[in-house]
PDB file of N, CA and C in Angstrom:
ATOM      1  N   MET A   1      28.305   0.187 -20.071  1.00  0.00           N
ATOM      2  CA  MET A   1      27.624   1.039 -19.104  1.00  0.00           C
ATOM      3  C   MET A   1      26.198   0.569 -18.856  1.00  0.00           C
ATOM      4  N   ARG A   2      25.541   0.095 -19.874  1.00  0.00           N
ATOM      5  CA  ARG A   2      24.168  -0.349 -19.718  1.00  0.00           C
ATOM      6  C   ARG A   2      24.052  -1.482 -18.701  1.00  0.00           C
ATOM      7  N   GLN A   3      25.004  -2.403 -18.713  1.00  0.00           N
ATOM      8  CA  GLN A   3      24.988  -3.497 -17.759  1.00  0.00           C
ATOM      9  C   GLN A   3      25.111  -2.966 -16.330  1.00  0.00           C
ATOM     10  N   LEU A   4      25.913  -1.940 -16.125  1.00  0.00           N
ATOM     11  CA  LEU A   4      26.065  -1.366 -14.798  1.00  0.00           C
ATOM     12  C   LEU A   4      24.793  -0.679 -14.342  1.00  0.00           C
ATOM     13  N   GLU A   5      24.044  -0.088 -15.248  1.00  0.00           N
ATOM     14  CA  GLU A   5      22.780   0.539 -14.880  1.00  0.00           C
ATOM     15  C   GLU A   5      21.784  -0.495 -14.393  1.00  0.00           C
ATOM     16  N   MET A   6      21.827  -1.685 -14.948  1.00  0.00           N
ATOM     17  CA  MET A   6      20.915  -2.749 -14.534  1.00  0.00           C
ATOM     18  C   MET A   6      21.225  -3.226 -13.117  1.00  0.00           C
ATOM     19  N   PHE A   7      22.492  -3.195 -12.736  1.00  0.00           N
ATOM     20  CA  PHE A   7      22.927  -3.701 -11.441  1.00  0.00           C
ATOM     21  C   PHE A   7      23.547  -2.572 -10.637  1.00  0.00           C
ATOM     22  N   LYS A   8      22.713  -1.788  -9.995  1.00  0.00           N
ATOM     23  CA  LYS A   8      23.182  -0.614  -9.276  1.00  0.00           C
ATOM     24  C   LYS A   8      24.045  -0.962  -8.076  1.00  0.00           C
ATOM     25  N   ASN A   9      23.915  -2.161  -7.541  1.00  0.00           N
ATOM     26  CA  ASN A   9      24.670  -2.545  -6.357  1.00  0.00           C
ATOM     27  C   ASN A   9      25.920  -3.349  -6.684  1.00  0.00           C
ATOM     28  N   VAL A  10      26.338  -3.318  -7.936  1.00  0.00           N
ATOM     29  CA  VAL A  10      27.516  -4.069  -8.358  1.00  0.00           C
ATOM     30  C   VAL A  10      28.497  -3.104  -9.027  1.00  0.00           C
ATOM     31  N   ARG A  11      29.755  -3.271  -8.679  1.00  0.00           N
ATOM     32  CA  ARG A  11      30.800  -2.443  -9.289  1.00  0.00           C
ATOM     33  C   ARG A  11      31.331  -3.126 -10.545  1.00  0.00           C
ATOM     34  N   ARG A  12      31.883  -2.352 -11.427  1.00  0.00           N
ATOM     35  CA  ARG A  12      32.399  -2.839 -12.708  1.00  0.00           C
ATOM     36  C   ARG A  12      33.381  -3.992 -12.527  1.00  0.00           C
ATOM     37  N   ASN A  13      34.232  -3.939 -11.512  1.00  0.00           N
ATOM     38  CA  ASN A  13      35.267  -4.957 -11.315  1.00  0.00           C
ATOM     39  C   ASN A  13      34.821  -6.126 -10.436  1.00  0.00           C
ATOM     40  N   ASP A  14      33.570  -6.146 -10.028  1.00  0.00           N
ATOM     41  CA  ASP A  14      33.094  -7.246  -9.186  1.00  0.00           C
ATOM     42  C   ASP A  14      33.032  -8.547  -9.970  1.00  0.00           C
ATOM     43  N   SER A  15      33.033  -9.629  -9.243  1.00  0.00           N
ATOM     44  CA  SER A  15      33.022 -10.958  -9.858  1.00  0.00           C
ATOM     45  C   SER A  15      31.667 -11.275 -10.478  1.00  0.00           C
ATOM     46  N   ASP A  16      31.668 -12.327 -11.278  1.00  0.00           N
ATOM     47  CA  ASP A  16      30.420 -12.767 -11.900  1.00  0.00           C
ATOM     48  C   ASP A  16      29.409 -13.203 -10.849  1.00  0.00           C
ATOM     49  N   THR A  17      29.887 -13.692  -9.701  1.00  0.00           N
ATOM     50  CA  THR A  17      28.947 -14.098  -8.652  1.00  0.00           C
ATOM     51  C   THR A  17      28.248 -12.891  -8.039  1.00  0.00           C
ATOM     52  N   SER A  18      28.923 -11.740  -8.005  1.00  0.00           N
ATOM     53  CA  SER A  18      28.282 -10.518  -7.518  1.00  0.00           C
ATOM     54  C   SER A  18      27.155 -10.088  -8.451  1.00  0.00           C
ATOM     55  N   PHE A  19      27.396 -10.201  -9.753  1.00  0.00           N
ATOM     56  CA  PHE A  19      26.344  -9.883 -10.718  1.00  0.00           C
ATOM     57  C   PHE A  19      25.177 -10.856 -10.588  1.00  0.00           C
ATOM     58  N   ALA A  20      25.480 -12.126 -10.367  1.00  0.00           N
ATOM     59  CA  ALA A  20      24.425 -13.130 -10.195  1.00  0.00           C
ATOM     60  C   ALA A  20      23.623 -12.841  -8.930  1.00  0.00           C
ATOM     61  N   ALA A  21      24.306 -12.467  -7.849  1.00  0.00           N
ATOM     62  CA  ALA A  21      23.618 -12.151  -6.603  1.00  0.00           C
ATOM     63  C   ALA A  21      22.706 -10.937  -6.779  1.00  0.00           C
ATOM     64  N   ALA A  22      23.192  -9.922  -7.482  1.00  0.00           N
ATOM     65  CA  ALA A  22      22.378  -8.729  -7.729  1.00  0.00           C
ATOM     66  C   ALA A  22      21.135  -9.077  -8.540  1.00  0.00           C
ATOM     67  N   ALA A  23      21.299  -9.933  -9.515  1.00  0.00           N
ATOM     68  CA  ALA A  23      20.151 -10.349 -10.333  1.00  0.00           C
ATOM     69  C   ALA A  23      19.142 -11.110  -9.494  1.00  0.00           C
ATOM     70  N   SER A  24      19.620 -11.985  -8.616  1.00  0.00           N
ATOM     71  CA  SER A  24      18.691 -12.762  -7.793  1.00  0.00           C
ATOM     72  C   SER A  24      17.959 -11.869  -6.801  1.00  0.00           C
ATOM     73  N   MET A  25      18.623 -10.833  -6.289  1.00  0.00           N
ATOM     74  CA  MET A  25      17.965  -9.907  -5.366  1.00  0.00           C
ATOM     75  C   MET A  25      16.900  -9.088  -6.076  1.00  0.00           C
ATOM     76  N   GLU A  26      17.162  -8.756  -7.328  1.00  0.00           N
ATOM     77  CA  GLU A  26      16.149  -8.027  -8.097  1.00  0.00           C
ATOM     78  C   GLU A  26      14.894  -8.881  -8.248  1.00  0.00           C
ATOM     79  N   THR A  27      15.083 -10.161  -8.509  1.00  0.00           N
ATOM     80  CA  THR A  27      13.958 -11.085  -8.622  1.00  0.00           C
ATOM     81  C   THR A  27      13.235 -11.214  -7.288  1.00  0.00           C
ATOM     82  N   ALA A  28      13.996 -11.339  -6.205  1.00  0.00           N
ATOM     83  CA  ALA A  28      13.393 -11.448  -4.876  1.00  0.00           C
ATOM     84  C   ALA A  28      12.623 -10.180  -4.527  1.00  0.00           C
ATOM     85  N   ALA A  29      13.186  -9.030  -4.834  1.00  0.00           N
ATOM     86  CA  ALA A  29      12.519  -7.766  -4.530  1.00  0.00           C
ATOM     87  C   ALA A  29      11.170  -7.670  -5.243  1.00  0.00           C
ATOM     88  N   LYS A  30      11.115  -8.096  -6.494  1.00  0.00           N
ATOM     89  CA  LYS A  30       9.840  -8.080  -7.232  1.00  0.00           C
ATOM     90  C   LYS A  30       8.828  -9.008  -6.569  1.00  0.00           C
ATOM     91  N   ARG A  31       9.290 -10.175  -6.152  1.00  0.00           N
ATOM     92  CA  ARG A  31       8.402 -11.133  -5.488  1.00  0.00           C
ATOM     93  C   ARG A  31       7.895 -10.559  -4.165  1.00  0.00           C
ATOM     94  N   TYR A  32       8.789  -9.942  -3.391  1.00  0.00           N
ATOM     95  CA  TYR A  32       8.407  -9.361  -2.112  1.00  0.00           C
ATOM     96  C   TYR A  32       7.434  -8.194  -2.295  1.00  0.00           C
ATOM     97  N   LYS A  33       7.657  -7.388  -3.318  1.00  0.00           N
ATOM     98  CA  LYS A  33       6.719  -6.298  -3.598  1.00  0.00           C
ATOM     99  C   LYS A  33       5.331  -6.851  -3.890  1.00  0.00           C
ATOM    100  N   ALA A  34       5.262  -7.927  -4.646  1.00  0.00           N
ATOM    101  CA  ALA A  34       3.976  -8.537  -4.973  1.00  0.00           C
ATOM    102  C   ALA A  34       3.297  -9.068  -3.713  1.00  0.00           C
ATOM    103  N   ILE A  35       4.072  -9.655  -2.816  1.00  0.00           N
ATOM    104  CA  ILE A  35       3.510 -10.179  -1.567  1.00  0.00           C
ATOM    105  C   ILE A  35       2.948  -9.042  -0.720  1.00  0.00           C
ATOM    106  N   VAL A  36       3.700  -7.963  -0.575  1.00  0.00           N
ATOM    107  CA  VAL A  36       3.234  -6.818   0.207  1.00  0.00           C
ATOM    108  C   VAL A  36       1.973  -6.223  -0.429  1.00  0.00           C
ATOM    109  N   TYR A  37       1.984  -6.059  -1.732  1.00  0.00           N
ATOM    110  CA  TYR A  37       0.820  -5.513  -2.446  1.00  0.00           C
ATOM    111  C   TYR A  37      -0.418  -6.389  -2.231  1.00  0.00           C
ATOM    112  N   ARG A  38      -0.272  -7.695  -2.437  1.00  0.00           N
ATOM    113  CA  ARG A  38      -1.415  -8.612  -2.273  1.00  0.00           C
ATOM    114  C   ARG A  38      -1.917  -8.634  -0.833  1.00  0.00           C
ATOM    115  N   THR A  39      -1.011  -8.520   0.123  1.00  0.00           N
ATOM    116  CA  THR A  39      -1.414  -8.501   1.527  1.00  0.00           C
ATOM    117  C   THR A  39      -2.261  -7.270   1.816  1.00  0.00           C
ATOM    118  N   LEU A  40      -1.825  -6.111   1.350  1.00  0.00           N
ATOM    119  CA  LEU A  40      -2.616  -4.887   1.542  1.00  0.00           C
ATOM    120  C   LEU A  40      -3.948  -4.964   0.806  1.00  0.00           C
ATOM    121  N   LEU A  41      -3.925  -5.519  -0.384  1.00  0.00           N
ATOM    122  CA  LEU A  41      -5.148  -5.641  -1.173  1.00  0.00           C
ATOM    123  C   LEU A  41      -6.163  -6.539  -0.462  1.00  0.00           C
ATOM    124  N   HIS A  42      -5.678  -7.637   0.114  1.00  0.00           N
ATOM    125  CA  HIS A  42      -6.561  -8.611   0.758  1.00  0.00           C
ATOM    126  C   HIS A  42      -7.041  -8.163   2.138  1.00  0.00           C
ATOM    127  N   PHE A  43      -6.142  -7.604   2.958  1.00  0.00           N
ATOM    128  CA  PHE A  43      -6.481  -7.285   4.343  1.00  0.00           C
ATOM    129  C   PHE A  43      -6.801  -5.818   4.588  1.00  0.00           C
ATOM    130  N   GLY A  44      -6.539  -4.961   3.618  1.00  0.00           N
ATOM    131  CA  GLY A  44      -6.820  -3.544   3.786  1.00  0.00           C
ATOM    132  C   GLY A  44      -5.652  -2.798   4.402  1.00  0.00           C
ATOM    133  N   PRO A  45      -5.857  -1.522   4.720  1.00  0.00           N
ATOM    134  CA  PRO A  45      -4.777  -0.669   5.215  1.00  0.00           C
ATOM    135  C   PRO A  45      -4.111  -1.227   6.476  1.00  0.00           C
ATOM    136  N   MET A  46      -2.767  -1.178   6.478  1.00  0.00           N
ATOM    137  CA  MET A  46      -1.984  -1.696   7.602  1.00  0.00           C
ATOM    138  C   MET A  46      -0.655  -0.964   7.704  1.00  0.00           C
ATOM    139  N   THR A  47      -0.032  -1.081   8.877  1.00  0.00           N
ATOM    140  CA  THR A  47       1.337  -0.601   9.056  1.00  0.00           C
ATOM    141  C   THR A  47       2.287  -1.649   8.481  1.00  0.00           C
ATOM    142  N   SER A  48       3.537  -1.267   8.310  1.00  0.00           N
ATOM    143  CA  SER A  48       4.531  -2.233   7.816  1.00  0.00           C
ATOM    144  C   SER A  48       4.657  -3.419   8.758  1.00  0.00           C
ATOM    145  N   GLU A  49       4.611  -3.165  10.050  1.00  0.00           N
ATOM    146  CA  GLU A  49       4.699  -4.248  11.027  1.00  0.00           C
ATOM    147  C   GLU A  49       3.493  -5.180  10.925  1.00  0.00           C
ATOM    148  N   GLU A  50       2.316  -4.626  10.714  1.00  0.00           N
ATOM    149  CA  GLU A  50       1.118  -5.449  10.557  1.00  0.00           C
ATOM    150  C   GLU A  50       1.185  -6.280   9.280  1.00  0.00           C
ATOM    151  N   ILE A  51       1.716  -5.686   8.219  1.00  0.00           N
ATOM    152  CA  ILE A  51       1.887  -6.430   6.967  1.00  0.00           C
ATOM    153  C   ILE A  51       2.793  -7.631   7.207  1.00  0.00           C
ATOM    154  N   ALA A  52       3.921  -7.405   7.889  1.00  0.00           N
ATOM    155  CA  ALA A  52       4.860  -8.491   8.180  1.00  0.00           C
ATOM    156  C   ALA A  52       4.184  -9.596   8.988  1.00  0.00           C
ATOM    157  N   GLY A  53       3.274  -9.230   9.863  1.00  0.00           N
ATOM    158  CA  GLY A  53       2.555 -10.217  10.665  1.00  0.00           C
ATOM    159  C   GLY A  53       1.553 -11.041   9.879  1.00  0.00           C
ATOM    160  N   ARG A  54       1.171 -10.551   8.716  1.00  0.00           N
ATOM    161  CA  ARG A  54       0.180 -11.244   7.881  1.00  0.00           C
ATOM    162  C   ARG A  54       0.780 -12.032   6.727  1.00  0.00           C
ATOM    163  N   CYS A  55       2.060 -11.844   6.463  1.00  0.00           N
ATOM    164  CA  CYS A  55       2.679 -12.546   5.338  1.00  0.00           C
ATOM    165  C   CYS A  55       3.979 -13.205   5.789  1.00  0.00           C
ATOM    166  N   GLU A  56       4.633 -13.902   4.896  1.00  0.00           N
ATOM    167  CA  GLU A  56       5.824 -14.662   5.272  1.00  0.00           C
ATOM    168  C   GLU A  56       7.109 -13.847   5.263  1.00  0.00           C
ATOM    169  N   LEU A  57       7.012 -12.534   5.129  1.00  0.00           N
ATOM    170  CA  LEU A  57       8.199 -11.689   5.083  1.00  0.00           C
ATOM    171  C   LEU A  57       8.529 -11.121   6.462  1.00  0.00           C
ATOM    172  N   ASP A  58       9.805 -10.845   6.682  1.00  0.00           N
ATOM    173  CA  ASP A  58      10.248 -10.170   7.899  1.00  0.00           C
ATOM    174  C   ASP A  58       9.994  -8.681   7.760  1.00  0.00           C
ATOM    175  N   TYR A  59       9.948  -8.005   8.904  1.00  0.00           N
ATOM    176  CA  TYR A  59       9.697  -6.569   8.901  1.00  0.00           C
ATOM    177  C   TYR A  59      10.654  -5.785   7.994  1.00  0.00           C
ATOM    178  N   PRO A  60      11.981  -6.028   8.056  1.00  0.00           N
ATOM    179  CA  PRO A  60      12.872  -5.262   7.160  1.00  0.00           C
ATOM    180  C   PRO A  60      12.582  -5.498   5.677  1.00  0.00           C
ATOM    181  N   GLN A  61      12.197  -6.720   5.333  1.00  0.00           N
ATOM    182  CA  GLN A  61      11.841  -6.996   3.938  1.00  0.00           C
ATOM    183  C   GLN A  61      10.599  -6.208   3.548  1.00  0.00           C
ATOM    184  N   VAL A  62       9.648  -6.099   4.467  1.00  0.00           N
ATOM    185  CA  VAL A  62       8.405  -5.379   4.189  1.00  0.00           C
ATOM    186  C   VAL A  62       8.661  -3.896   4.026  1.00  0.00           C
ATOM    187  N   TRP A  63       9.360  -3.258   4.979  1.00  0.00           N
ATOM    188  CA  TRP A  63       9.475  -1.799   4.875  1.00  0.00           C
ATOM    189  C   TRP A  63      10.275  -1.382   3.661  1.00  0.00           C
ATOM    190  N   ARG A  64      11.220  -2.214   3.218  1.00  0.00           N
ATOM    191  CA  ARG A  64      11.945  -1.876   1.982  1.00  0.00           C
ATOM    192  C   ARG A  64      11.004  -1.908   0.779  1.00  0.00           C
ATOM    193  N   ARG A  65      10.145  -2.900   0.736  1.00  0.00           N
ATOM    194  CA  ARG A  65       9.214  -3.010  -0.389  1.00  0.00           C
ATOM    195  C   ARG A  65       8.101  -1.976  -0.290  1.00  0.00           C
ATOM    196  N   VAL A  66       7.685  -1.615   0.922  1.00  0.00           N
ATOM    197  CA  VAL A  66       6.713  -0.530   1.094  1.00  0.00           C
ATOM    198  C   VAL A  66       7.278   0.753   0.493  1.00  0.00           C
ATOM    199  N   SER A  67       8.540   1.011   0.764  1.00  0.00           N
ATOM    200  CA  SER A  67       9.199   2.191   0.205  1.00  0.00           C
ATOM    201  C   SER A  67       9.187   2.148  -1.320  1.00  0.00           C
ATOM    202  N   ASP A  68       9.491   0.990  -1.889  1.00  0.00           N
ATOM    203  CA  ASP A  68       9.461   0.833  -3.355  1.00  0.00           C
ATOM    204  C   ASP A  68       8.060   1.061  -3.909  1.00  0.00           C
ATOM    205  N   LEU A  69       7.060   0.451  -3.272  1.00  0.00           N
ATOM    206  CA  LEU A  69       5.682   0.567  -3.755  1.00  0.00           C
ATOM    207  C   LEU A  69       5.177   2.004  -3.647  1.00  0.00           C
ATOM    208  N   ARG A  70       5.584   2.697  -2.594  1.00  0.00           N
ATOM    209  CA  ARG A  70       5.189   4.102  -2.463  1.00  0.00           C
ATOM    210  C   ARG A  70       5.845   4.931  -3.567  1.00  0.00           C
ATOM    211  N   ARG A  71       7.133   4.707  -3.795  1.00  0.00           N
ATOM    212  CA  ARG A  71       7.850   5.434  -4.847  1.00  0.00           C
ATOM    213  C   ARG A  71       7.210   5.164  -6.216  1.00  0.00           C
ATOM    214  N   ASP A  72       6.743   3.938  -6.427  1.00  0.00           N
ATOM    215  CA  ASP A  72       6.106   3.554  -7.684  1.00  0.00           C
ATOM    216  C   ASP A  72       4.649   4.004  -7.773  1.00  0.00           C
ATOM    217  N   ASN A  73       4.170   4.702  -6.731  1.00  0.00           N
ATOM    218  CA  ASN A  73       2.797   5.212  -6.678  1.00  0.00           C
ATOM    219  C   ASN A  73       1.749   4.095  -6.719  1.00  0.00           C
ATOM    220  N   VAL A  74       2.062   2.984  -6.097  1.00  0.00           N
ATOM    221  CA  VAL A  74       1.138   1.848  -6.024  1.00  0.00           C
ATOM    222  C   VAL A  74       0.376   1.874  -4.703  1.00  0.00           C
ATOM    223  N   ILE A  75       1.034   2.353  -3.644  1.00  0.00           N
ATOM    224  CA  ILE A  75       0.392   2.493  -2.342  1.00  0.00           C
ATOM    225  C   ILE A  75       0.610   3.910  -1.841  1.00  0.00           C
ATOM    226  N   HIS A  76      -0.140   4.278  -0.795  1.00  0.00           N
ATOM    227  CA  HIS A  76      -0.002   5.610  -0.221  1.00  0.00           C
ATOM    228  C   HIS A  76      -0.162   5.556   1.296  1.00  0.00           C
ATOM    229  N   ASP A  77       0.358   6.572   1.942  1.00  0.00           N
ATOM    230  CA  ASP A  77       0.190   6.752   3.385  1.00  0.00           C
ATOM    231  C   ASP A  77      -1.208   7.313   3.590  1.00  0.00           C
ATOM    232  N   THR A  78      -2.021   6.629   4.378  1.00  0.00           N
ATOM    233  CA  THR A  78      -3.407   7.067   4.586  1.00  0.00           C
ATOM    234  C   THR A  78      -3.520   8.283   5.489  1.00  0.00           C
ATOM    235  N   GLY A  79      -2.445   8.588   6.211  1.00  0.00           N
ATOM    236  CA  GLY A  79      -2.490   9.667   7.191  1.00  0.00           C
ATOM    237  C   GLY A  79      -2.849   9.157   8.576  1.00  0.00           C
ATOM    238  N   GLU A  80      -3.371   7.951   8.650  1.00  0.00           N
ATOM    239  CA  GLU A  80      -3.682   7.329   9.940  1.00  0.00           C
ATOM    240  C   GLU A  80      -2.388   6.845  10.585  1.00  0.00           C
ATOM    241  N   ARG A  81      -2.348   6.853  11.917  1.00  0.00           N
ATOM    242  CA  ARG A  81      -1.200   6.359  12.667  1.00  0.00           C
ATOM    243  C   ARG A  81      -1.676   5.342  13.694  1.00  0.00           C
ATOM    244  N   ARG A  82      -0.896   4.276  13.852  1.00  0.00           N
ATOM    245  CA  ARG A  82      -1.189   3.241  14.848  1.00  0.00           C
ATOM    246  C   ARG A  82       0.078   2.934  15.626  1.00  0.00           C
ATOM    247  N   LYS A  83      -0.096   2.536  16.873  1.00  0.00           N
ATOM    248  CA  LYS A  83       1.061   2.148  17.676  1.00  0.00           C
ATOM    249  C   LYS A  83       1.590   0.815  17.186  1.00  0.00           C
ATOM    250  N   ASN A  84       2.915   0.728  17.080  1.00  0.00           N
ATOM    251  CA  ASN A  84       3.517  -0.557  16.737  1.00  0.00           C
ATOM    252  C   ASN A  84       4.020  -1.230  18.012  1.00  0.00           C
ATOM    253  N   SER A  85       4.712  -2.351  17.893  1.00  0.00           N
ATOM    254  CA  SER A  85       5.122  -3.125  19.062  1.00  0.00           C
ATOM    255  C   SER A  85       6.102  -2.372  19.970  1.00  0.00           C
ATOM    256  N   SER A  86       6.796  -1.381  19.434  1.00  0.00           N
ATOM    257  CA  SER A  86       7.721  -0.605  20.256  1.00  0.00           C
ATOM    258  C   SER A  86       7.016   0.546  20.975  1.00  0.00           C
ATOM    259  N   GLY A  87       5.733   0.734  20.678  1.00  0.00           N
ATOM    260  CA  GLY A  87       4.975   1.823  21.281  1.00  0.00           C
ATOM    261  C   GLY A  87       4.996   3.105  20.472  1.00  0.00           C
ATOM    262  N   ARG A  88       5.765   3.115  19.399  1.00  0.00           N
ATOM    263  CA  ARG A  88       5.824   4.298  18.538  1.00  0.00           C
ATOM    264  C   ARG A  88       4.681   4.281  17.533  1.00  0.00           C
ATOM    265  N   MET A  89       4.369   5.460  17.041  1.00  0.00           N
ATOM    266  CA  MET A  89       3.322   5.574  16.040  1.00  0.00           C
ATOM    267  C   MET A  89       3.896   5.246  14.663  1.00  0.00           C
ATOM    268  N   ALA A  90       3.136   4.484  13.893  1.00  0.00           N
ATOM    269  CA  ALA A  90       3.577   4.065  12.559  1.00  0.00           C
ATOM    270  C   ALA A  90       2.521   4.445  11.534  1.00  0.00           C
ATOM    271  N   GLY A  91       2.984   4.775  10.333  1.00  0.00           N
ATOM    272  CA  GLY A  91       2.081   5.109   9.242  1.00  0.00           C
ATOM    273  C   GLY A  91       1.301   3.889   8.771  1.00  0.00           C
ATOM    274  N   VAL A  92       0.098   4.133   8.314  1.00  0.00           N
ATOM    275  CA  VAL A  92      -0.769   3.085   7.781  1.00  0.00           C
ATOM    276  C   VAL A  92      -0.798   3.228   6.266  1.00  0.00           C
ATOM    277  N   TRP A  93      -0.537   2.131   5.581  1.00  0.00           N
ATOM    278  CA  TRP A  93      -0.431   2.094   4.116  1.00  0.00           C
ATOM    279  C   TRP A  93      -1.665   1.472   3.497  1.00  0.00           C
ATOM    280  N   ALA A  94      -2.024   1.940   2.307  1.00  0.00           N
ATOM    281  CA  ALA A  94      -3.171   1.400   1.567  1.00  0.00           C
ATOM    282  C   ALA A  94      -2.852   1.392   0.080  1.00  0.00           C
ATOM    283  N   VAL A  95      -3.502   0.496  -0.628  1.00  0.00           N
ATOM    284  CA  VAL A  95      -3.339   0.388  -2.075  1.00  0.00           C
ATOM    285  C   VAL A  95      -4.066   1.556  -2.734  1.00  0.00           C
ATOM    286  N   ASN A  96      -3.432   2.183  -3.719  1.00  0.00           N
ATOM    287  CA  ASN A  96      -4.081   3.242  -4.481  1.00  0.00           C
ATOM    288  C   ASN A  96      -5.211   2.630  -5.296  1.00  0.00           C
ATOM    289  N   LYS A  97      -6.344   3.314  -5.337  1.00  0.00           N
ATOM    290  CA  LYS A  97      -7.515   2.796  -6.038  1.00  0.00           C
ATOM    291  C   LYS A  97      -7.263   2.556  -7.511  1.00  0.00           C
ATOM    292  N   GLU A  98      -6.409   3.378  -8.109  1.00  0.00           N
ATOM    293  CA  GLU A  98      -6.118   3.238  -9.538  1.00  0.00           C
ATOM    294  C   GLU A  98      -5.374   1.949  -9.851  1.00  0.00           C
ATOM    295  N   THR A  99      -4.675   1.391  -8.860  1.00  0.00           N
ATOM    296  CA  THR A  99      -3.855   0.199  -9.108  1.00  0.00           C
ATOM    297  C   THR A  99      -4.524  -1.096  -8.668  1.00  0.00           C
ATOM    298  N   SER A 100      -5.632  -1.007  -7.940  1.00  0.00           N
ATOM    299  CA  SER A 100      -6.262  -2.226  -7.436  1.00  0.00           C
ATOM    300  C   SER A 100      -7.203  -2.845  -8.440  1.00  0.00           C
TER     301      SER A 100
END
């Protein structure tokens, strides 16, 4: 059971390659979180789309990691809103002072 807890996206009967893929995604997710964090730390508060424009990650990779960082209490929604490329208002994210 412990092995299954480590790999939430893998079923018990999945192949060894599925477990390997899950492990590699966990590593990638940590790397992407670090990139998003460093981008916010260096450039200041930004929307997810703005973060993607400043780093080598695609927008979907960024918003997934923004969600993780917010859940981990590393970043917060500033309450500010900015228009994104679609014309919709987007939340602006910033690094929590305790973590910087």
